[in-house]
Amino acid sequence: MNRPIISFVERLGNMKPLIGSLVSTSSTEVAEALSLCGFEWLFIDVEHSVLDMAAAQHIIQSVGPRTYGVIRLPDNCAEHFKKALDTGCDGVIVPMIKSVLDAKRAVSFAKYAPLGERSVGLARAQSYGLTFSDYLKSANRRIALILQVEHKDAVELVDEIVAVPGVDAIFIGPYDLSASMGLLGQASAPEVIEAIVRVRQACINAKVPYGSFCMTANQARDEIAGGGRLIALGTDLLFMTRSAKAELESLA
């Protein structure tokens, strides 16, 4: 299986931001179109969409090796890690990390021994056996484990969470974070912004790349200005609905 010369983990280590978009539909044509637009990575959402792992793999096949494919898991469960990682994805995003134990659990599922306890499979990630040995040797350093900090409990423990060996990046979820603070939907509330700044600083101190989902280019600019390098800009359906609505309204 062809892979980008620079792995997603290595690309995260560069100073230049990684700009991607969130994919929630199973259309490989839509994913391919986003890739052709120039997005460097796709946030393939298996948590908040009807996508399953088979659809996620098809999306990855449709855009690779031009665009990195990263799967957001439904939860921090071994079964989801096994299936997602064996698709040949470039990384996984683990939602709702609340504790150091959650972070260590994710590492144990995502990384092979001795760093973790990832189960050894034989699927697309290993080129159906053709690159089995090479994959086992390189996966821990090439496949990204990204933890989603989106709860007030995680914010309180963020310094310890980002220090867990095997964590490659942090993705901030402002909307669920605001909900956990009793401020549902108020992602720009001062208390939420203060919590986000705290997470950013912990990542900077630990030299762990971080980023967030951004609805607009202006939000993305602010995130990048704050040091964010992992940016998910808009969604497949958001781009479609905004464009369609704007064209309709231009006729009025």
C-alpha atoms as a PDB file:
ATOM      1  CA  MET A   1       0.000   0.000   0.000  1.00  0.00           C
ATOM      2  CA  ASN A   2       1.380   3.403  -0.979  1.00  0.00           C
ATOM      3  CA  ARG A   3       1.918   5.764   1.965  1.00  0.00           C
ATOM      4  CA  PRO A   4       3.005   9.412   2.087  1.00  0.00           C
ATOM      5  CA  ILE A   5       6.769   9.728   2.426  1.00  0.00           C
ATOM      6  CA  ILE A   6       6.261  11.892   5.505  1.00  0.00           C
ATOM      7  CA  SER A   7       4.043  10.234   8.094  1.00  0.00           C
ATOM      8  CA  PHE A   8       1.185  12.077   9.755  1.00  0.00           C
ATOM      9  CA  VAL A   9       3.124  12.087  13.040  1.00  0.00           C
ATOM     10  CA  GLU A  10       6.169  13.601  11.336  1.00  0.00           C
ATOM     11  CA  ARG A  11       3.993  16.174   9.585  1.00  0.00           C
ATOM     12  CA  LEU A  12       2.445  17.110  12.946  1.00  0.00           C
ATOM     13  CA  GLY A  13       5.936  17.869  14.180  1.00  0.00           C
ATOM     14  CA  ASN A  14       6.415  20.559  11.545  1.00  0.00           C
ATOM     15  CA  MET A  15       5.668  24.170  12.410  1.00  0.00           C
ATOM     16  CA  LYS A  16       3.305  24.604   9.448  1.00  0.00           C
ATOM     17  CA  PRO A  17      -0.351  23.993  10.404  1.00  0.00           C
ATOM     18  CA  LEU A  18      -2.144  20.939   9.036  1.00  0.00           C
ATOM     19  CA  ILE A  19      -5.457  22.048   7.528  1.00  0.00           C
ATOM     20  CA  GLY A  20      -8.117  19.389   7.136  1.00  0.00           C
ATOM     21  CA  SER A  21     -11.866  18.998   7.096  1.00  0.00           C
ATOM     22  CA  LEU A  22     -14.402  16.744   8.772  1.00  0.00           C
ATOM     23  CA  VAL A  23     -16.101  14.006   6.759  1.00  0.00           C
ATOM     24  CA  SER A  24     -19.468  12.644   7.887  1.00  0.00           C
ATOM     25  CA  THR A  25     -20.856  11.062   4.710  1.00  0.00           C
ATOM     26  CA  SER A  26     -19.905   7.768   3.098  1.00  0.00           C
ATOM     27  CA  SER A  27     -19.441   9.275  -0.364  1.00  0.00           C
ATOM     28  CA  THR A  28     -15.923   8.569  -1.600  1.00  0.00           C
ATOM     29  CA  GLU A  29     -16.501  11.171  -4.324  1.00  0.00           C
ATOM     30  CA  VAL A  30     -17.110  13.871  -1.718  1.00  0.00           C
ATOM     31  CA  ALA A  31     -13.993  12.845   0.208  1.00  0.00           C
ATOM     32  CA  GLU A  32     -11.967  12.789  -2.993  1.00  0.00           C
ATOM     33  CA  ALA A  33     -13.256  16.244  -3.931  1.00  0.00           C
ATOM     34  CA  LEU A  34     -12.136  17.650  -0.561  1.00  0.00           C
ATOM     35  CA  SER A  35      -8.760  16.034  -1.098  1.00  0.00           C
ATOM     36  CA  LEU A  36      -8.469  17.565  -4.555  1.00  0.00           C
ATOM     37  CA  CYS A  37      -9.325  20.955  -3.058  1.00  0.00           C
ATOM     38  CA  GLY A  38      -6.062  20.742  -1.129  1.00  0.00           C
ATOM     39  CA  PHE A  39      -7.021  19.646   2.385  1.00  0.00           C
ATOM     40  CA  GLU A  40      -4.031  17.816   3.831  1.00  0.00           C
ATOM     41  CA  TRP A  41      -6.019  15.550   6.116  1.00  0.00           C
ATOM     42  CA  LEU A  42      -9.553  14.319   6.584  1.00  0.00           C
ATOM     43  CA  PHE A  43     -11.191  13.937  10.005  1.00  0.00           C
ATOM     44  CA  ILE A  44     -13.343  10.863   9.321  1.00  0.00           C
ATOM     45  CA  ASP A  45     -16.052  10.965  11.949  1.00  0.00           C
ATOM     46  CA  VAL A  46     -17.220   7.540  13.111  1.00  0.00           C
ATOM     47  CA  GLU A  47     -18.462   9.007  16.407  1.00  0.00           C
ATOM     48  CA  HIS A  48     -21.108  11.542  15.350  1.00  0.00           C
ATOM     49  CA  SER A  49     -22.194  10.138  11.986  1.00  0.00           C
ATOM     50  CA  VAL A  50     -23.625   6.987  10.432  1.00  0.00           C
ATOM     51  CA  LEU A  51     -20.204   6.030   9.057  1.00  0.00           C
ATOM     52  CA  ASP A  52     -18.867   2.593   9.948  1.00  0.00           C
ATOM     53  CA  MET A  53     -15.293   1.292   9.654  1.00  0.00           C
ATOM     54  CA  ALA A  54     -15.876  -0.152   6.191  1.00  0.00           C
ATOM     55  CA  ALA A  55     -16.988   3.254   4.917  1.00  0.00           C
ATOM     56  CA  ALA A  56     -14.029   4.893   6.677  1.00  0.00           C
ATOM     57  CA  GLN A  57     -11.637   2.512   4.923  1.00  0.00           C
ATOM     58  CA  HIS A  58     -13.197   3.270   1.542  1.00  0.00           C
ATOM     59  CA  ILE A  59     -12.736   6.990   2.170  1.00  0.00           C
ATOM     60  CA  ILE A  60      -9.083   6.445   3.097  1.00  0.00           C
ATOM     61  CA  GLN A  61      -8.574   4.393  -0.059  1.00  0.00           C
ATOM     62  CA  SER A  62     -10.130   7.140  -2.169  1.00  0.00           C
ATOM     63  CA  VAL A  63      -7.838   9.926  -0.950  1.00  0.00           C
ATOM     64  CA  GLY A  64      -4.536   8.227  -0.154  1.00  0.00           C
ATOM     65  CA  PRO A  65      -1.682   8.779  -0.462  1.00  0.00           C
ATOM     66  CA  ARG A  66      -2.494  12.379  -1.450  1.00  0.00           C
ATOM     67  CA  THR A  67      -4.365  13.179   1.790  1.00  0.00           C
ATOM     68  CA  TYR A  68      -3.961  11.769   5.310  1.00  0.00           C
ATOM     69  CA  GLY A  69      -6.981   9.909   6.682  1.00  0.00           C
ATOM     70  CA  VAL A  70      -7.643  10.084  10.433  1.00  0.00           C
ATOM     71  CA  ILE A  71     -10.567   8.284  12.069  1.00  0.00           C
ATOM     72  CA  ARG A  72     -12.413   9.594  15.111  1.00  0.00           C
ATOM     73  CA  LEU A  73     -13.453   6.524  17.064  1.00  0.00           C
ATOM     74  CA  PRO A  74     -16.888   6.091  18.661  1.00  0.00           C
ATOM     75  CA  ASP A  75     -15.240   5.695  22.075  1.00  0.00           C
ATOM     76  CA  ASN A  76     -12.143   4.478  23.914  1.00  0.00           C
ATOM     77  CA  CYS A  77     -12.781   0.774  23.292  1.00  0.00           C
ATOM     78  CA  ALA A  78     -10.285  -1.888  22.150  1.00  0.00           C
ATOM     79  CA  GLU A  79     -12.598  -3.202  19.434  1.00  0.00           C
ATOM     80  CA  HIS A  80     -12.804   0.204  17.723  1.00  0.00           C
ATOM     81  CA  PHE A  81      -9.021   0.658  17.797  1.00  0.00           C
ATOM     82  CA  LYS A  82      -8.451  -2.755  16.209  1.00  0.00           C
ATOM     83  CA  LYS A  83     -10.808  -2.120  13.318  1.00  0.00           C
ATOM     84  CA  ALA A  84      -9.811   1.505  12.730  1.00  0.00           C
ATOM     85  CA  LEU A  85      -6.064   0.990  12.806  1.00  0.00           C
ATOM     86  CA  ASP A  86      -6.266  -1.977  10.453  1.00  0.00           C
ATOM     87  CA  THR A  87      -7.971   0.190   7.789  1.00  0.00           C
ATOM     88  CA  GLY A  88      -4.596   1.751   7.066  1.00  0.00           C
ATOM     89  CA  CYS A  89      -5.521   5.107   8.570  1.00  0.00           C
ATOM     90  CA  ASP A  90      -2.823   7.633   9.457  1.00  0.00           C
ATOM     91  CA  GLY A  91      -4.143   8.143  12.975  1.00  0.00           C
ATOM     92  CA  VAL A  92      -7.074   7.910  15.328  1.00  0.00           C
ATOM     93  CA  ILE A  93      -8.818  10.560  17.410  1.00  0.00           C
ATOM     94  CA  VAL A  94     -10.170   9.310  20.736  1.00  0.00           C
ATOM     95  CA  PRO A  95     -13.165  11.249  22.083  1.00  0.00           C
ATOM     96  CA  MET A  96     -14.044  12.228  25.637  1.00  0.00           C
ATOM     97  CA  ILE A  97     -10.737  11.606  27.404  1.00  0.00           C
ATOM     98  CA  LYS A  98     -11.350  12.569  31.036  1.00  0.00           C
ATOM     99  CA  SER A  99      -8.415  11.147  32.992  1.00  0.00           C
ATOM    100  CA  VAL A 100      -4.826   9.953  32.888  1.00  0.00           C
ATOM    101  CA  LEU A 101      -6.185   6.403  33.024  1.00  0.00           C
ATOM    102  CA  ASP A 102      -8.241   7.112  29.893  1.00  0.00           C
ATOM    103  CA  ALA A 103      -5.101   8.385  28.147  1.00  0.00           C
ATOM    104  CA  LYS A 104      -3.044   5.353  29.145  1.00  0.00           C
ATOM    105  CA  ARG A 105      -5.857   3.067  28.048  1.00  0.00           C
ATOM    106  CA  ALA A 106      -5.853   4.699  24.613  1.00  0.00           C
ATOM    107  CA  VAL A 107      -2.077   4.275  24.314  1.00  0.00           C
ATOM    108  CA  SER A 108      -2.366   0.610  25.251  1.00  0.00           C
ATOM    109  CA  PHE A 109      -4.881   0.040  22.424  1.00  0.00           C
ATOM    110  CA  ALA A 110      -3.136   2.213  19.802  1.00  0.00           C
ATOM    111  CA  LYS A 111       0.515   1.253  20.187  1.00  0.00           C
ATOM    112  CA  TYR A 112       2.267  -2.074  19.773  1.00  0.00           C
ATOM    113  CA  ALA A 113       4.471  -3.492  22.539  1.00  0.00           C
ATOM    114  CA  PRO A 114       6.530  -2.399  24.365  1.00  0.00           C
ATOM    115  CA  LEU A 115       4.739   0.991  24.425  1.00  0.00           C
ATOM    116  CA  GLY A 116       1.265  -0.511  24.383  1.00  0.00           C
ATOM    117  CA  GLU A 117      -0.674  -3.722  23.880  1.00  0.00           C
ATOM    118  CA  ARG A 118      -2.171  -3.223  20.421  1.00  0.00           C
ATOM    119  CA  SER A 119      -3.519  -6.434  18.937  1.00  0.00           C
ATOM    120  CA  VAL A 120      -1.683  -7.691  15.854  1.00  0.00           C
ATOM    121  CA  GLY A 121      -3.897  -8.030  12.796  1.00  0.00           C
ATOM    122  CA  LEU A 122      -3.412  -8.747   9.118  1.00  0.00           C
ATOM    123  CA  ALA A 123      -5.440  -6.370   6.968  1.00  0.00           C
ATOM    124  CA  ARG A 124      -5.139  -3.344   4.699  1.00  0.00           C
ATOM    125  CA  ALA A 125      -2.782  -1.495   7.063  1.00  0.00           C
ATOM    126  CA  GLN A 126      -0.248  -4.280   6.594  1.00  0.00           C
ATOM    127  CA  SER A 127      -0.875  -4.420   2.830  1.00  0.00           C
ATOM    128  CA  TYR A 128      -2.744  -7.692   3.413  1.00  0.00           C
ATOM    129  CA  GLY A 129       0.505  -9.274   4.590  1.00  0.00           C
ATOM    130  CA  LEU A 130       2.882  -7.850   1.994  1.00  0.00           C
ATOM    131  CA  THR A 131       4.424  -5.299   4.394  1.00  0.00           C
ATOM    132  CA  PHE A 132       3.608  -7.043   7.660  1.00  0.00           C
ATOM    133  CA  SER A 133       7.085  -6.924   9.258  1.00  0.00           C
ATOM    134  CA  ASP A 134       7.846  -3.370   8.165  1.00  0.00           C
ATOM    135  CA  TYR A 135       4.470  -2.156   9.452  1.00  0.00           C
ATOM    136  CA  LEU A 136       5.015  -3.712  12.880  1.00  0.00           C
ATOM    137  CA  LYS A 137       8.378  -1.975  13.137  1.00  0.00           C
ATOM    138  CA  SER A 138       7.174   1.485  12.078  1.00  0.00           C
ATOM    139  CA  ALA A 139       3.532   1.799  13.182  1.00  0.00           C
ATOM    140  CA  ASN A 140       4.221   3.187  16.661  1.00  0.00           C
ATOM    141  CA  ARG A 141       6.094   6.164  15.265  1.00  0.00           C
ATOM    142  CA  ARG A 142       4.027   6.661  12.073  1.00  0.00           C
ATOM    143  CA  ILE A 143       0.395   6.249  13.213  1.00  0.00           C
ATOM    144  CA  ALA A 144      -0.865   9.148  15.320  1.00  0.00           C
ATOM    145  CA  LEU A 145      -2.755   8.811  18.583  1.00  0.00           C
ATOM    146  CA  ILE A 146      -4.744  12.005  19.111  1.00  0.00           C
ATOM    147  CA  LEU A 147      -6.674  12.515  22.326  1.00  0.00           C
ATOM    148  CA  GLN A 148      -9.719  14.730  22.378  1.00  0.00           C
ATOM    149  CA  VAL A 149      -9.873  17.052  25.386  1.00  0.00           C
ATOM    150  CA  GLU A 150     -13.525  18.071  25.549  1.00  0.00           C
ATOM    151  CA  HIS A 151     -14.520  17.795  29.203  1.00  0.00           C
ATOM    152  CA  LYS A 152     -13.792  19.900  32.265  1.00  0.00           C
ATOM    153  CA  ASP A 153     -12.336  16.858  34.060  1.00  0.00           C
ATOM    154  CA  ALA A 154      -9.662  16.541  31.361  1.00  0.00           C
ATOM    155  CA  VAL A 155      -8.814  20.227  31.657  1.00  0.00           C
ATOM    156  CA  GLU A 156      -8.102  19.784  35.370  1.00  0.00           C
ATOM    157  CA  LEU A 157      -5.660  16.952  34.570  1.00  0.00           C
ATOM    158  CA  VAL A 158      -4.351  18.182  31.241  1.00  0.00           C
ATOM    159  CA  ASP A 159      -0.704  18.517  32.335  1.00  0.00           C
ATOM    160  CA  GLU A 160      -0.641  14.858  33.353  1.00  0.00           C
ATOM    161  CA  ILE A 161      -2.578  13.716  30.271  1.00  0.00           C
ATOM    162  CA  VAL A 162      -0.223  15.344  27.749  1.00  0.00           C
ATOM    163  CA  ALA A 163       2.743  13.805  29.586  1.00  0.00           C
ATOM    164  CA  VAL A 164       1.575  10.224  28.949  1.00  0.00           C
ATOM    165  CA  PRO A 165       4.109   8.488  26.635  1.00  0.00           C
ATOM    166  CA  GLY A 166       2.557   7.605  23.298  1.00  0.00           C
ATOM    167  CA  VAL A 167       0.243  10.613  23.014  1.00  0.00           C
ATOM    168  CA  ASP A 168       1.042  12.297  19.700  1.00  0.00           C
ATOM    169  CA  ALA A 169      -1.402  15.236  19.727  1.00  0.00           C
ATOM    170  CA  ILE A 170      -4.374  16.824  21.463  1.00  0.00           C
ATOM    171  CA  PHE A 171      -7.585  17.901  19.746  1.00  0.00           C
ATOM    172  CA  ILE A 172      -9.702  20.390  21.677  1.00  0.00           C
ATOM    173  CA  GLY A 173     -13.486  19.997  21.533  1.00  0.00           C
ATOM    174  CA  PRO A 174     -14.918  23.394  22.522  1.00  0.00           C
ATOM    175  CA  TYR A 175     -18.598  22.494  22.208  1.00  0.00           C
ATOM    176  CA  ASP A 176     -18.630  19.405  24.445  1.00  0.00           C
ATOM    177  CA  LEU A 177     -16.261  21.245  26.765  1.00  0.00           C
ATOM    178  CA  SER A 178     -18.743  24.087  27.111  1.00  0.00           C
ATOM    179  CA  ALA A 179     -21.527  21.577  27.801  1.00  0.00           C
ATOM    180  CA  SER A 180     -19.511  19.894  30.562  1.00  0.00           C
ATOM    181  CA  MET A 181     -19.115  23.318  32.174  1.00  0.00           C
ATOM    182  CA  GLY A 182     -22.861  23.964  32.134  1.00  0.00           C
ATOM    183  CA  LEU A 183     -22.541  26.365  29.187  1.00  0.00           C
ATOM    184  CA  LEU A 184     -24.041  24.305  26.382  1.00  0.00           C
ATOM    185  CA  GLY A 185     -23.229  25.793  22.980  1.00  0.00           C
ATOM    186  CA  GLN A 186     -21.381  28.766  24.487  1.00  0.00           C
ATOM    187  CA  ALA A 187     -17.937  27.930  23.147  1.00  0.00           C
ATOM    188  CA  SER A 188     -16.879  31.581  23.290  1.00  0.00           C
ATOM    189  CA  ALA A 189     -17.882  32.079  26.942  1.00  0.00           C
ATOM    190  CA  PRO A 190     -14.983  33.477  29.040  1.00  0.00           C
ATOM    191  CA  GLU A 191     -14.847  30.362  31.237  1.00  0.00           C
ATOM    192  CA  VAL A 192     -14.593  28.099  28.206  1.00  0.00           C
ATOM    193  CA  ILE A 193     -11.920  30.256  26.583  1.00  0.00           C
ATOM    194  CA  GLU A 194      -9.954  30.186  29.844  1.00  0.00           C
ATOM    195  CA  ALA A 195     -10.124  26.379  29.895  1.00  0.00           C
ATOM    196  CA  ILE A 196      -8.995  26.184  26.262  1.00  0.00           C
ATOM    197  CA  VAL A 197      -6.051  28.490  26.973  1.00  0.00           C
ATOM    198  CA  ARG A 198      -5.078  26.211  29.835  1.00  0.00           C
ATOM    199  CA  VAL A 199      -5.082  23.180  27.501  1.00  0.00           C
ATOM    200  CA  ARG A 200      -3.073  25.048  24.879  1.00  0.00           C
ATOM    201  CA  GLN A 201      -0.441  26.060  27.417  1.00  0.00           C
ATOM    202  CA  ALA A 202      -0.102  22.521  28.727  1.00  0.00           C
ATOM    203  CA  CYS A 203       0.474  21.279  25.171  1.00  0.00           C
ATOM    204  CA  ILE A 204       3.025  24.008  24.483  1.00  0.00           C
ATOM    205  CA  ASN A 205       4.874  23.182  27.701  1.00  0.00           C
ATOM    206  CA  ALA A 206       4.939  19.472  26.832  1.00  0.00           C
ATOM    207  CA  LYS A 207       5.755  20.156  23.152  1.00  0.00           C
ATOM    208  CA  VAL A 208       2.661  18.203  22.086  1.00  0.00           C
ATOM    209  CA  PRO A 209       0.919  19.458  18.908  1.00  0.00           C
ATOM    210  CA  TYR A 210      -2.698  20.514  19.321  1.00  0.00           C
ATOM    211  CA  GLY A 211      -5.608  21.958  17.423  1.00  0.00           C
ATOM    212  CA  SER A 212      -9.364  22.202  17.177  1.00  0.00           C
ATOM    213  CA  PHE A 213     -12.438  22.095  14.957  1.00  0.00           C
ATOM    214  CA  CYS A 214     -13.195  25.468  13.369  1.00  0.00           C
ATOM    215  CA  MET A 215     -16.467  26.435  11.698  1.00  0.00           C
ATOM    216  CA  THR A 216     -14.947  29.289   9.684  1.00  0.00           C
ATOM    217  CA  ALA A 217     -11.641  30.432   8.231  1.00  0.00           C
ATOM    218  CA  ASN A 218     -11.548  33.298  10.728  1.00  0.00           C
ATOM    219  CA  GLN A 219     -11.826  30.837  13.618  1.00  0.00           C
ATOM    220  CA  ALA A 220      -9.052  28.773  12.026  1.00  0.00           C
ATOM    221  CA  ARG A 221      -6.825  31.851  11.785  1.00  0.00           C
ATOM    222  CA  ASP A 222      -7.362  32.533  15.494  1.00  0.00           C
ATOM    223  CA  GLU A 223      -6.553  28.911  16.362  1.00  0.00           C
ATOM    224  CA  ILE A 224      -3.365  29.010  14.311  1.00  0.00           C
ATOM    225  CA  ALA A 225      -2.392  32.354  15.852  1.00  0.00           C
ATOM    226  CA  GLY A 226      -2.777  30.694  19.269  1.00  0.00           C
ATOM    227  CA  GLY A 227      -0.317  27.964  18.278  1.00  0.00           C
ATOM    228  CA  GLY A 228      -2.716  25.340  16.925  1.00  0.00           C
ATOM    229  CA  ARG A 229      -1.298  23.081  14.224  1.00  0.00           C
ATOM    230  CA  LEU A 230      -4.045  20.464  13.791  1.00  0.00           C
ATOM    231  CA  ILE A 231      -6.990  22.276  12.219  1.00  0.00           C
ATOM    232  CA  ALA A 232     -10.270  20.753  11.052  1.00  0.00           C
ATOM    233  CA  LEU A 233     -12.055  23.408   8.998  1.00  0.00           C
ATOM    234  CA  GLY A 234     -15.756  22.875   8.389  1.00  0.00           C
ATOM    235  CA  THR A 235     -17.450  19.664   7.302  1.00  0.00           C
ATOM    236  CA  ASP A 236     -18.415  18.097   4.013  1.00  0.00           C
ATOM    237  CA  LEU A 237     -22.123  18.805   4.539  1.00  0.00           C
ATOM    238  CA  LEU A 238     -21.511  22.243   6.032  1.00  0.00           C
ATOM    239  CA  PHE A 239     -19.658  23.312   2.893  1.00  0.00           C
ATOM    240  CA  MET A 240     -22.470  21.939   0.743  1.00  0.00           C
ATOM    241  CA  THR A 241     -25.329  23.526   2.690  1.00  0.00           C
ATOM    242  CA  ARG A 242     -23.623  26.904   2.992  1.00  0.00           C
ATOM    243  CA  SER A 243     -22.877  27.008  -0.712  1.00  0.00           C
ATOM    244  CA  ALA A 244     -26.323  25.812  -1.737  1.00  0.00           C
ATOM    245  CA  LYS A 245     -28.072  28.242   0.609  1.00  0.00           C
ATOM    246  CA  ALA A 246     -25.936  31.161  -0.584  1.00  0.00           C
ATOM    247  CA  GLU A 247     -26.704  30.398  -4.243  1.00  0.00           C
ATOM    248  CA  LEU A 248     -30.430  30.103  -3.511  1.00  0.00           C
ATOM    249  CA  GLU A 249     -30.474  33.354  -1.582  1.00  0.00           C
ATOM    250  CA  SER A 250     -28.600  35.118  -4.399  1.00  0.00           C
ATOM    251  CA  LEU A 251     -31.609  34.442  -6.619  1.00  0.00           C
ATOM    252  CA  ALA A 252     -34.054  36.114  -4.227  1.00  0.00           C
END
